[in-house]
């Protein structure tokens, strides 16, 4: 974070209500201890991807429990307070990873677990997360039965490497890690 602290997301579910909150946790000592948990997504959110965009702005894409879509939250004060911006995926499109690209855009990748369409999707924002382009299919798993949890890095030549897991895809029937190399253009 801007002040040198580390930030990490976590979630906790209430055993009685089965509702969960996602949180931002801070470490002021390089990760040796953690404290000052702040709620990002209350009551219906769990697995959360974080990104620091700059000038105090942070974004968080949190998985909902009810229909498994992604809600986007924003903080303008380095994660001290959060507000809901709205959904950035439809039901069954979870969980997320956020990446700042060299050209200034933000990349959102997520697993697609919709009946008849399993794979990895991507969306781009060129205005700091206020709006998002249409979904692009990066990898389709055909009749695959499971997949997701993508994470991306941008290589020096601009190529993006997105890793994910999948099961029962046409070329491999067991669980495995897949990698997609692709370019934004």
N, C-alpha and C. Protein backbone atom coordinates (compact mmCIF):
# COMPACT_ATOMS: atom_id res chain seq x y z
N UNK A 1 0.84 -1.17 0.00
CA UNK A 1 0.00 0.00 0.00
C UNK A 1 0.89 1.24 0.00
N UNK A 2 0.31 2.41 -0.17
CA UNK A 2 1.09 3.63 -0.30
C UNK A 2 1.99 3.89 0.90
N UNK A 3 1.53 3.51 2.09
CA UNK A 3 2.32 3.76 3.30
C UNK A 3 3.34 2.66 3.59
N UNK A 4 3.49 1.69 2.67
CA UNK A 4 4.43 0.60 2.84
C UNK A 4 3.84 -0.63 3.51
N UNK A 5 2.62 -0.53 4.01
CA UNK A 5 1.97 -1.69 4.62
C UNK A 5 1.61 -2.70 3.53
N UNK A 6 1.48 -3.96 3.94
CA UNK A 6 1.00 -5.01 3.04
C UNK A 6 -0.50 -5.17 3.25
N UNK A 7 -1.21 -5.52 2.21
CA UNK A 7 -2.64 -5.78 2.31
C UNK A 7 -2.96 -7.15 1.76
N UNK A 8 -3.87 -7.86 2.39
CA UNK A 8 -4.31 -9.18 1.94
C UNK A 8 -5.80 -9.31 2.21
N UNK A 9 -6.47 -10.07 1.36
CA UNK A 9 -7.89 -10.31 1.58
C UNK A 9 -8.09 -11.65 2.26
N UNK A 10 -9.17 -11.75 3.01
CA UNK A 10 -9.60 -13.02 3.58
C UNK A 10 -11.10 -12.95 3.77
N UNK A 11 -11.71 -14.08 4.03
CA UNK A 11 -13.14 -14.07 4.34
C UNK A 11 -13.40 -14.99 5.51
N UNK A 12 -14.52 -14.73 6.17
CA UNK A 12 -14.89 -15.53 7.33
C UNK A 12 -16.40 -15.75 7.28
N UNK A 13 -16.80 -17.00 7.50
CA UNK A 13 -18.21 -17.36 7.48
C UNK A 13 -18.73 -17.58 8.89
N UNK A 14 -19.91 -17.06 9.16
CA UNK A 14 -20.56 -17.28 10.44
C UNK A 14 -21.16 -18.68 10.44
N UNK A 15 -20.83 -19.48 11.44
CA UNK A 15 -21.29 -20.87 11.50
C UNK A 15 -22.81 -20.99 11.62
N UNK A 16 -23.45 -20.01 12.22
CA UNK A 16 -24.90 -20.08 12.43
C UNK A 16 -25.66 -19.59 11.20
N UNK A 17 -25.34 -18.39 10.73
CA UNK A 17 -26.09 -17.80 9.61
C UNK A 17 -25.60 -18.28 8.25
N UNK A 18 -24.38 -18.80 8.20
CA UNK A 18 -23.72 -19.23 6.96
C UNK A 18 -23.42 -18.05 6.04
N UNK A 19 -23.55 -16.84 6.53
CA UNK A 19 -23.18 -15.65 5.76
C UNK A 19 -21.70 -15.38 5.95
N UNK A 20 -21.08 -14.80 4.94
CA UNK A 20 -19.66 -14.49 5.08
C UNK A 20 -19.37 -13.07 4.64
N UNK A 21 -18.35 -12.52 5.24
CA UNK A 21 -17.83 -11.19 4.89
C UNK A 21 -16.44 -11.36 4.32
N UNK A 22 -16.10 -10.52 3.35
CA UNK A 22 -14.71 -10.46 2.90
C UNK A 22 -14.07 -9.24 3.55
N UNK A 23 -12.77 -9.35 3.80
CA UNK A 23 -12.04 -8.33 4.55
C UNK A 23 -10.71 -7.99 3.87
N UNK A 24 -10.20 -6.81 4.20
CA UNK A 24 -8.83 -6.43 3.92
C UNK A 24 -8.09 -6.46 5.25
N UNK A 25 -6.97 -7.13 5.27
CA UNK A 25 -6.13 -7.23 6.46
C UNK A 25 -4.82 -6.52 6.15
N UNK A 26 -4.29 -5.78 7.12
CA UNK A 26 -3.05 -5.02 6.92
C UNK A 26 -1.93 -5.55 7.80
N UNK A 27 -0.71 -5.46 7.27
CA UNK A 27 0.49 -5.76 8.05
C UNK A 27 1.42 -4.56 7.95
N UNK A 28 1.82 -4.05 9.08
CA UNK A 28 2.72 -2.89 9.13
C UNK A 28 4.17 -3.33 9.29
N UNK A 29 4.42 -4.65 9.44
CA UNK A 29 5.79 -5.13 9.72
C UNK A 29 6.25 -6.18 8.71
N UNK A 30 5.90 -6.00 7.45
CA UNK A 30 6.38 -6.88 6.40
C UNK A 30 5.78 -8.27 6.42
N UNK A 31 4.63 -8.44 7.06
CA UNK A 31 3.94 -9.71 7.07
C UNK A 31 4.16 -10.55 8.30
N UNK A 32 4.93 -10.05 9.28
CA UNK A 32 5.16 -10.83 10.51
C UNK A 32 3.91 -10.87 11.37
N UNK A 33 3.11 -9.81 11.36
CA UNK A 33 1.84 -9.80 12.10
C UNK A 33 0.80 -9.06 11.25
N UNK A 34 -0.45 -9.37 11.52
CA UNK A 34 -1.55 -8.81 10.73
C UNK A 34 -2.63 -8.30 11.67
N UNK A 35 -3.27 -7.22 11.29
CA UNK A 35 -4.35 -6.66 12.10
C UNK A 35 -5.13 -5.64 11.32
N UNK A 36 -6.01 -4.95 12.03
CA UNK A 36 -6.84 -3.91 11.43
C UNK A 36 -7.67 -4.41 10.26
N UNK A 37 -8.44 -5.49 10.48
CA UNK A 37 -9.31 -6.02 9.43
C UNK A 37 -10.45 -5.04 9.16
N UNK A 38 -10.69 -4.79 7.87
CA UNK A 38 -11.75 -3.89 7.44
C UNK A 38 -12.67 -4.68 6.51
N UNK A 39 -13.98 -4.58 6.73
CA UNK A 39 -14.94 -5.29 5.88
C UNK A 39 -14.94 -4.67 4.48
N UNK A 40 -14.78 -5.51 3.47
CA UNK A 40 -14.92 -5.09 2.07
C UNK A 40 -16.34 -5.38 1.62
N UNK A 41 -16.70 -6.68 1.63
CA UNK A 41 -18.02 -7.12 1.17
C UNK A 41 -18.79 -7.77 2.30
N UNK A 42 -19.83 -7.12 2.79
CA UNK A 42 -20.56 -7.66 3.92
C UNK A 42 -21.64 -8.67 3.53
N UNK A 43 -21.79 -9.71 4.36
CA UNK A 43 -22.96 -10.58 4.36
C UNK A 43 -23.10 -11.62 3.29
N UNK A 44 -22.45 -11.47 2.14
CA UNK A 44 -22.66 -12.41 1.04
C UNK A 44 -21.40 -12.60 0.20
N UNK A 45 -20.25 -12.24 0.71
CA UNK A 45 -19.04 -12.23 -0.10
C UNK A 45 -17.94 -13.08 0.53
N UNK A 46 -17.16 -13.72 -0.35
CA UNK A 46 -16.03 -14.49 0.14
C UNK A 46 -14.80 -14.21 -0.72
N UNK A 47 -14.32 -15.15 -1.49
CA UNK A 47 -13.04 -15.03 -2.21
C UNK A 47 -12.93 -13.69 -2.93
N UNK A 48 -11.89 -12.92 -2.58
CA UNK A 48 -11.79 -11.54 -3.04
C UNK A 48 -10.41 -11.26 -3.62
N UNK A 49 -10.40 -10.68 -4.81
CA UNK A 49 -9.16 -10.25 -5.46
C UNK A 49 -8.99 -8.75 -5.24
N UNK A 50 -7.78 -8.33 -4.94
CA UNK A 50 -7.48 -6.93 -4.66
C UNK A 50 -6.52 -6.37 -5.69
N UNK A 51 -6.64 -5.07 -5.92
CA UNK A 51 -5.63 -4.36 -6.71
C UNK A 51 -5.57 -2.92 -6.23
N UNK A 52 -4.35 -2.42 -6.13
CA UNK A 52 -4.14 -1.01 -5.81
C UNK A 52 -3.94 -0.29 -7.13
N UNK A 53 -4.83 0.64 -7.43
CA UNK A 53 -4.79 1.34 -8.71
C UNK A 53 -3.91 2.57 -8.62
N UNK A 54 -3.86 3.21 -7.47
CA UNK A 54 -3.01 4.39 -7.27
C UNK A 54 -3.79 5.53 -6.67
N UNK A 55 -3.07 6.50 -6.14
CA UNK A 55 -3.68 7.68 -5.51
C UNK A 55 -4.77 7.31 -4.52
N UNK A 56 -4.52 6.29 -3.71
CA UNK A 56 -5.46 5.87 -2.68
C UNK A 56 -6.55 4.94 -3.16
N UNK A 57 -6.68 4.77 -4.49
CA UNK A 57 -7.76 3.95 -5.04
C UNK A 57 -7.37 2.47 -5.06
N UNK A 58 -8.25 1.66 -4.47
CA UNK A 58 -8.12 0.21 -4.52
C UNK A 58 -9.44 -0.36 -5.04
N UNK A 59 -9.34 -1.49 -5.73
CA UNK A 59 -10.52 -2.22 -6.19
C UNK A 59 -10.48 -3.62 -5.61
N UNK A 60 -11.65 -4.18 -5.39
CA UNK A 60 -11.78 -5.54 -4.90
C UNK A 60 -12.92 -6.21 -5.66
N UNK A 61 -12.64 -7.37 -6.26
CA UNK A 61 -13.67 -8.17 -6.93
C UNK A 61 -13.97 -9.36 -6.03
N UNK A 62 -15.18 -9.39 -5.46
CA UNK A 62 -15.54 -10.39 -4.46
C UNK A 62 -16.62 -11.32 -4.99
N UNK A 63 -16.43 -12.60 -4.72
CA UNK A 63 -17.38 -13.64 -5.09
C UNK A 63 -18.58 -13.61 -4.15
N UNK A 64 -19.78 -13.68 -4.72
CA UNK A 64 -20.97 -13.76 -3.87
C UNK A 64 -21.31 -15.22 -3.60
N UNK A 65 -21.96 -15.45 -2.47
CA UNK A 65 -22.38 -16.79 -2.11
C UNK A 65 -23.69 -17.18 -2.79
N UNK A 66 -24.61 -16.24 -2.94
CA UNK A 66 -25.96 -16.59 -3.39
C UNK A 66 -25.99 -17.15 -4.80
N UNK A 67 -25.49 -16.41 -5.77
CA UNK A 67 -25.52 -16.91 -7.16
C UNK A 67 -24.14 -16.96 -7.81
N UNK A 68 -23.10 -16.79 -7.01
CA UNK A 68 -21.72 -16.92 -7.49
C UNK A 68 -21.42 -15.99 -8.67
N UNK A 69 -21.67 -14.70 -8.46
CA UNK A 69 -21.19 -13.69 -9.41
C UNK A 69 -20.15 -12.83 -8.70
N UNK A 70 -19.52 -11.93 -9.42
CA UNK A 70 -18.52 -11.04 -8.85
C UNK A 70 -19.09 -9.65 -8.64
N UNK A 71 -18.95 -9.13 -7.44
CA UNK A 71 -19.26 -7.74 -7.14
C UNK A 71 -17.96 -6.97 -7.07
N UNK A 72 -17.97 -5.75 -7.58
CA UNK A 72 -16.79 -4.89 -7.52
C UNK A 72 -16.98 -3.84 -6.44
N UNK A 73 -15.97 -3.70 -5.59
CA UNK A 73 -15.95 -2.70 -4.53
C UNK A 73 -14.79 -1.76 -4.79
N UNK A 74 -14.91 -0.52 -4.30
CA UNK A 74 -13.84 0.47 -4.44
C UNK A 74 -13.56 1.12 -3.10
N UNK A 75 -12.30 1.45 -2.90
CA UNK A 75 -11.87 2.23 -1.75
C UNK A 75 -11.04 3.39 -2.26
N UNK A 76 -11.34 4.58 -1.79
CA UNK A 76 -10.58 5.76 -2.20
C UNK A 76 -9.61 6.22 -1.12
N UNK A 77 -9.49 5.40 -0.05
CA UNK A 77 -8.63 5.77 1.07
C UNK A 77 -7.71 4.62 1.49
N UNK A 78 -7.12 3.94 0.48
CA UNK A 78 -6.16 2.85 0.71
C UNK A 78 -6.75 1.69 1.51
N UNK A 79 -8.05 1.43 1.32
CA UNK A 79 -8.66 0.26 1.93
C UNK A 79 -9.26 0.48 3.30
N UNK A 80 -9.35 1.71 3.76
CA UNK A 80 -9.94 1.96 5.08
C UNK A 80 -11.46 1.85 5.05
N UNK A 81 -12.08 2.27 3.95
CA UNK A 81 -13.53 2.14 3.77
C UNK A 81 -13.79 1.65 2.34
N UNK A 82 -14.89 0.94 2.16
CA UNK A 82 -15.22 0.34 0.86
C UNK A 82 -16.66 0.63 0.48
N UNK A 83 -16.90 0.78 -0.82
CA UNK A 83 -18.27 0.95 -1.31
C UNK A 83 -18.49 0.03 -2.50
N UNK A 84 -19.71 -0.46 -2.61
CA UNK A 84 -20.08 -1.37 -3.70
C UNK A 84 -20.29 -0.57 -4.98
N UNK A 85 -19.59 -0.97 -6.06
CA UNK A 85 -19.80 -0.35 -7.37
C UNK A 85 -20.84 -1.11 -8.17
N UNK A 86 -20.93 -2.43 -7.96
CA UNK A 86 -21.91 -3.25 -8.67
C UNK A 86 -21.30 -4.52 -9.21
N UNK A 87 -22.12 -5.33 -9.88
CA UNK A 87 -21.63 -6.60 -10.41
C UNK A 87 -20.72 -6.39 -11.63
N UNK A 88 -19.71 -7.29 -11.76
CA UNK A 88 -18.83 -7.26 -12.93
C UNK A 88 -18.82 -8.62 -13.65
N UNK A 89 -19.71 -9.51 -13.22
CA UNK A 89 -19.90 -10.77 -13.93
C UNK A 89 -21.32 -11.24 -13.68
N UNK A 90 -21.71 -12.28 -14.38
CA UNK A 90 -23.02 -12.87 -14.16
C UNK A 90 -22.87 -14.12 -13.30
N UNK A 91 -23.99 -14.73 -12.94
CA UNK A 91 -23.98 -15.91 -12.08
C UNK A 91 -23.08 -16.99 -12.67
N UNK A 92 -22.32 -17.65 -11.80
CA UNK A 92 -21.45 -18.74 -12.21
C UNK A 92 -20.11 -18.29 -12.79
N UNK A 93 -19.79 -17.01 -12.70
CA UNK A 93 -18.54 -16.50 -13.26
C UNK A 93 -17.67 -15.98 -12.12
N UNK A 94 -16.89 -16.91 -11.55
CA UNK A 94 -16.12 -16.66 -10.34
C UNK A 94 -14.92 -17.59 -10.31
N UNK A 95 -13.96 -17.41 -9.43
CA UNK A 95 -13.56 -16.17 -8.77
C UNK A 95 -12.66 -15.35 -9.68
N UNK A 96 -12.17 -14.24 -9.15
CA UNK A 96 -11.50 -13.24 -9.98
C UNK A 96 -10.02 -13.10 -9.68
N UNK A 97 -9.34 -12.48 -10.63
CA UNK A 97 -7.99 -11.96 -10.45
C UNK A 97 -7.95 -10.62 -11.17
N UNK A 98 -7.32 -9.63 -10.57
CA UNK A 98 -7.18 -8.29 -11.16
C UNK A 98 -5.71 -8.00 -11.42
N UNK A 99 -5.43 -7.37 -12.56
CA UNK A 99 -4.05 -7.06 -12.94
C UNK A 99 -4.01 -5.70 -13.62
N UNK A 100 -3.08 -4.86 -13.20
CA UNK A 100 -2.82 -3.58 -13.88
C UNK A 100 -1.91 -3.85 -15.06
N UNK A 101 -2.36 -3.48 -16.26
CA UNK A 101 -1.57 -3.71 -17.47
C UNK A 101 -0.64 -2.53 -17.74
N UNK A 102 0.39 -2.78 -18.54
CA UNK A 102 1.39 -1.75 -18.85
C UNK A 102 0.77 -0.54 -19.53
N UNK A 103 -0.34 -0.73 -20.27
CA UNK A 103 -0.97 0.39 -20.97
C UNK A 103 -1.94 1.17 -20.10
N UNK A 104 -2.03 0.82 -18.81
CA UNK A 104 -2.89 1.55 -17.87
C UNK A 104 -4.26 0.92 -17.65
N UNK A 105 -4.63 -0.03 -18.48
CA UNK A 105 -5.92 -0.69 -18.28
C UNK A 105 -5.85 -1.68 -17.13
N UNK A 106 -7.01 -2.06 -16.63
CA UNK A 106 -7.11 -3.10 -15.61
C UNK A 106 -7.74 -4.31 -16.26
N UNK A 107 -7.13 -5.46 -16.03
CA UNK A 107 -7.63 -6.74 -16.54
C UNK A 107 -8.31 -7.48 -15.40
N UNK A 108 -9.51 -7.96 -15.66
CA UNK A 108 -10.25 -8.83 -14.75
C UNK A 108 -10.39 -10.18 -15.44
N UNK A 109 -9.85 -11.24 -14.84
CA UNK A 109 -10.06 -12.59 -15.36
C UNK A 109 -10.83 -13.38 -14.31
N UNK A 110 -11.62 -14.35 -14.79
CA UNK A 110 -12.46 -15.12 -13.88
C UNK A 110 -12.83 -16.44 -14.51
N UNK A 111 -13.15 -17.41 -13.67
CA UNK A 111 -13.62 -18.70 -14.14
C UNK A 111 -15.06 -18.58 -14.61
N UNK A 112 -15.39 -19.36 -15.63
CA UNK A 112 -16.77 -19.42 -16.14
C UNK A 112 -17.28 -20.83 -15.85
N UNK A 113 -18.32 -20.91 -15.05
CA UNK A 113 -18.90 -22.19 -14.65
C UNK A 113 -20.38 -22.23 -14.98
N UNK A 114 -20.72 -21.80 -16.18
CA UNK A 114 -22.10 -21.78 -16.63
C UNK A 114 -22.44 -23.07 -17.36
N UNK A 115 -23.66 -23.54 -17.19
CA UNK A 115 -24.11 -24.76 -17.87
C UNK A 115 -23.85 -24.61 -19.37
N UNK A 116 -23.12 -25.52 -19.94
CA UNK A 116 -22.82 -25.48 -21.37
C UNK A 116 -21.62 -24.63 -21.75
N UNK A 117 -21.09 -23.87 -20.81
CA UNK A 117 -19.91 -23.05 -21.09
C UNK A 117 -19.03 -23.00 -19.85
N UNK A 118 -17.96 -23.75 -19.88
CA UNK A 118 -16.95 -23.69 -18.83
C UNK A 118 -15.68 -23.14 -19.46
N UNK A 119 -14.98 -22.29 -18.72
CA UNK A 119 -13.75 -21.75 -19.26
C UNK A 119 -13.23 -20.61 -18.41
N UNK A 120 -12.49 -19.71 -19.07
CA UNK A 120 -11.92 -18.54 -18.43
C UNK A 120 -12.31 -17.32 -19.26
N UNK A 121 -12.84 -16.31 -18.58
CA UNK A 121 -13.25 -15.08 -19.25
C UNK A 121 -12.39 -13.91 -18.80
N UNK A 122 -12.46 -12.83 -19.59
CA UNK A 122 -11.71 -11.61 -19.28
C UNK A 122 -12.54 -10.40 -19.63
N UNK A 123 -12.34 -9.34 -18.87
CA UNK A 123 -12.92 -8.02 -19.15
C UNK A 123 -11.84 -6.97 -18.88
N UNK A 124 -11.95 -5.84 -19.54
CA UNK A 124 -10.99 -4.75 -19.38
C UNK A 124 -11.69 -3.48 -18.94
N UNK A 125 -10.99 -2.69 -18.13
CA UNK A 125 -11.44 -1.35 -17.77
C UNK A 125 -10.34 -0.38 -18.15
N UNK A 126 -10.71 0.69 -18.84
CA UNK A 126 -9.70 1.71 -19.17
C UNK A 126 -9.95 3.01 -18.40
N UNK A 127 -10.82 2.94 -17.38
CA UNK A 127 -11.10 4.13 -16.59
C UNK A 127 -11.02 3.84 -15.08
N UNK A 128 -10.06 3.02 -14.69
CA UNK A 128 -9.84 2.76 -13.27
C UNK A 128 -10.90 1.92 -12.60
N UNK A 129 -11.66 1.16 -13.38
CA UNK A 129 -12.66 0.26 -12.82
C UNK A 129 -14.07 0.80 -12.79
N UNK A 130 -14.28 2.02 -13.27
CA UNK A 130 -15.63 2.59 -13.28
C UNK A 130 -16.52 1.92 -14.31
N UNK A 131 -15.96 1.48 -15.42
CA UNK A 131 -16.74 0.76 -16.44
C UNK A 131 -15.87 -0.37 -17.00
N UNK A 132 -16.55 -1.37 -17.59
CA UNK A 132 -15.87 -2.56 -18.06
C UNK A 132 -16.38 -2.93 -19.44
N UNK A 133 -15.47 -3.37 -20.31
CA UNK A 133 -15.84 -3.83 -21.64
C UNK A 133 -16.53 -5.19 -21.58
N UNK A 134 -16.95 -5.64 -22.73
CA UNK A 134 -17.66 -6.92 -22.82
C UNK A 134 -16.73 -8.07 -22.43
N UNK A 135 -17.32 -9.19 -22.06
CA UNK A 135 -16.54 -10.36 -21.69
C UNK A 135 -15.92 -10.99 -22.93
N UNK A 136 -14.69 -11.41 -22.80
CA UNK A 136 -13.99 -12.16 -23.84
C UNK A 136 -13.69 -13.55 -23.30
N UNK A 137 -13.88 -14.56 -24.11
CA UNK A 137 -13.57 -15.93 -23.72
C UNK A 137 -12.10 -16.20 -24.02
N UNK A 138 -11.31 -16.47 -22.99
CA UNK A 138 -9.88 -16.77 -23.17
C UNK A 138 -9.64 -18.24 -23.43
N UNK A 139 -10.38 -19.07 -22.71
CA UNK A 139 -10.23 -20.52 -22.85
C UNK A 139 -11.59 -21.16 -22.62
N UNK A 140 -12.01 -21.97 -23.57
CA UNK A 140 -13.25 -22.72 -23.42
C UNK A 140 -12.93 -24.16 -23.11
N UNK A 141 -13.62 -24.72 -22.13
CA UNK A 141 -13.37 -26.08 -21.71
C UNK A 141 -14.36 -27.07 -22.31
N UNK A 142 -15.16 -26.63 -23.27
CA UNK A 142 -16.12 -27.54 -23.88
C UNK A 142 -17.08 -28.09 -22.84
N UNK A 143 -17.17 -29.38 -22.76
CA UNK A 143 -18.07 -30.02 -21.80
C UNK A 143 -17.36 -30.25 -20.46
N UNK A 144 -16.32 -29.51 -20.19
CA UNK A 144 -15.59 -29.66 -18.94
C UNK A 144 -16.51 -29.60 -17.74
N UNK A 145 -16.08 -30.19 -16.65
CA UNK A 145 -16.92 -30.25 -15.47
C UNK A 145 -16.51 -29.27 -14.38
N UNK A 146 -15.33 -28.71 -14.46
CA UNK A 146 -14.87 -27.80 -13.42
C UNK A 146 -13.71 -26.99 -13.99
N UNK A 147 -13.49 -25.83 -13.40
CA UNK A 147 -12.36 -25.02 -13.83
C UNK A 147 -12.45 -23.63 -13.27
N UNK A 148 -11.35 -22.92 -13.34
CA UNK A 148 -11.36 -21.54 -12.90
C UNK A 148 -10.11 -21.17 -12.13
N UNK A 149 -10.30 -20.29 -11.16
CA UNK A 149 -9.23 -19.71 -10.36
C UNK A 149 -8.07 -19.22 -11.23
N UNK A 150 -8.37 -18.39 -12.23
CA UNK A 150 -7.29 -17.90 -13.08
C UNK A 150 -6.47 -16.81 -12.39
N UNK A 151 -5.23 -16.69 -12.82
CA UNK A 151 -4.35 -15.61 -12.40
C UNK A 151 -3.49 -15.24 -13.60
N UNK A 152 -3.24 -13.95 -13.78
CA UNK A 152 -2.51 -13.48 -14.96
C UNK A 152 -1.30 -12.65 -14.59
N UNK A 153 -0.30 -12.68 -15.46
CA UNK A 153 0.85 -11.79 -15.40
C UNK A 153 1.09 -11.28 -16.82
N UNK A 154 1.61 -10.07 -16.92
CA UNK A 154 1.97 -9.54 -18.23
C UNK A 154 3.48 -9.64 -18.39
N UNK A 155 3.92 -10.25 -19.48
CA UNK A 155 5.33 -10.44 -19.75
C UNK A 155 5.92 -9.16 -20.37
N UNK A 156 7.24 -9.08 -20.43
CA UNK A 156 7.90 -7.88 -20.92
C UNK A 156 7.48 -7.48 -22.32
N UNK A 157 7.18 -8.46 -23.19
CA UNK A 157 6.79 -8.15 -24.57
C UNK A 157 5.30 -7.81 -24.70
N UNK A 158 4.58 -7.73 -23.57
CA UNK A 158 3.17 -7.39 -23.59
C UNK A 158 2.24 -8.59 -23.59
N UNK A 159 2.78 -9.78 -23.88
CA UNK A 159 1.98 -11.00 -23.85
C UNK A 159 1.46 -11.22 -22.43
N UNK A 160 0.25 -11.73 -22.32
CA UNK A 160 -0.32 -12.04 -21.01
C UNK A 160 -0.34 -13.56 -20.86
N UNK A 161 0.09 -14.02 -19.71
CA UNK A 161 0.04 -15.43 -19.37
C UNK A 161 -1.04 -15.59 -18.30
N UNK A 162 -2.05 -16.40 -18.61
CA UNK A 162 -3.13 -16.66 -17.66
C UNK A 162 -3.12 -18.14 -17.33
N UNK A 163 -2.93 -18.46 -16.05
CA UNK A 163 -2.95 -19.86 -15.59
C UNK A 163 -4.30 -20.11 -14.92
N UNK A 164 -4.77 -21.36 -15.02
CA UNK A 164 -6.06 -21.74 -14.43
C UNK A 164 -6.04 -23.24 -14.18
N UNK A 165 -7.03 -23.75 -13.49
CA UNK A 165 -7.16 -25.19 -13.37
C UNK A 165 -8.41 -25.62 -14.11
N UNK A 166 -8.46 -26.88 -14.49
CA UNK A 166 -9.63 -27.41 -15.22
C UNK A 166 -9.70 -28.92 -15.02
N UNK A 167 -10.87 -29.46 -15.33
CA UNK A 167 -11.07 -30.91 -15.28
C UNK A 167 -11.98 -31.32 -16.43
N UNK A 168 -11.69 -32.48 -16.98
CA UNK A 168 -12.49 -33.08 -18.04
C UNK A 168 -12.64 -32.19 -19.28
N UNK A 169 -11.52 -31.62 -19.71
CA UNK A 169 -11.51 -30.87 -20.97
C UNK A 169 -11.20 -31.87 -22.08
N UNK A 170 -11.43 -31.51 -23.33
CA UNK A 170 -11.25 -32.49 -24.41
C UNK A 170 -9.89 -33.17 -24.47
N UNK A 171 -8.82 -32.46 -24.08
CA UNK A 171 -7.49 -33.03 -24.22
C UNK A 171 -6.91 -33.61 -22.94
N UNK A 172 -7.63 -33.48 -21.82
CA UNK A 172 -7.12 -34.01 -20.55
C UNK A 172 -8.31 -34.20 -19.62
N UNK A 173 -8.54 -35.41 -19.18
CA UNK A 173 -9.76 -35.71 -18.43
C UNK A 173 -9.62 -35.59 -16.92
N UNK A 174 -8.41 -35.46 -16.42
CA UNK A 174 -8.24 -35.30 -14.98
C UNK A 174 -8.01 -33.82 -14.66
N UNK A 175 -7.98 -33.53 -13.36
CA UNK A 175 -7.65 -32.16 -12.95
C UNK A 175 -6.23 -31.83 -13.37
N UNK A 176 -6.06 -30.59 -13.83
CA UNK A 176 -4.74 -30.15 -14.26
C UNK A 176 -4.68 -28.63 -14.27
N UNK A 177 -3.49 -28.11 -14.42
CA UNK A 177 -3.31 -26.67 -14.60
C UNK A 177 -3.11 -26.41 -16.08
N UNK A 178 -3.84 -25.42 -16.59
CA UNK A 178 -3.68 -25.00 -17.98
C UNK A 178 -3.13 -23.59 -18.03
N UNK A 179 -2.51 -23.23 -19.13
CA UNK A 179 -1.95 -21.91 -19.33
C UNK A 179 -2.37 -21.40 -20.69
N UNK A 180 -2.78 -20.15 -20.75
CA UNK A 180 -3.12 -19.48 -22.00
C UNK A 180 -2.16 -18.30 -22.17
N UNK A 181 -1.48 -18.26 -23.32
CA UNK A 181 -0.66 -17.09 -23.68
C UNK A 181 -1.46 -16.29 -24.70
N UNK A 182 -1.64 -15.01 -24.46
CA UNK A 182 -2.47 -14.21 -25.34
C UNK A 182 -2.03 -12.75 -25.32
N UNK A 183 -2.50 -12.02 -26.32
CA UNK A 183 -2.19 -10.59 -26.42
C UNK A 183 -3.49 -9.81 -26.35
N UNK A 184 -3.41 -8.63 -25.78
CA UNK A 184 -4.58 -7.79 -25.62
C UNK A 184 -5.15 -7.38 -26.97
N UNK A 185 -4.31 -7.13 -27.95
CA UNK A 185 -4.79 -6.68 -29.24
C UNK A 185 -5.25 -7.86 -30.09
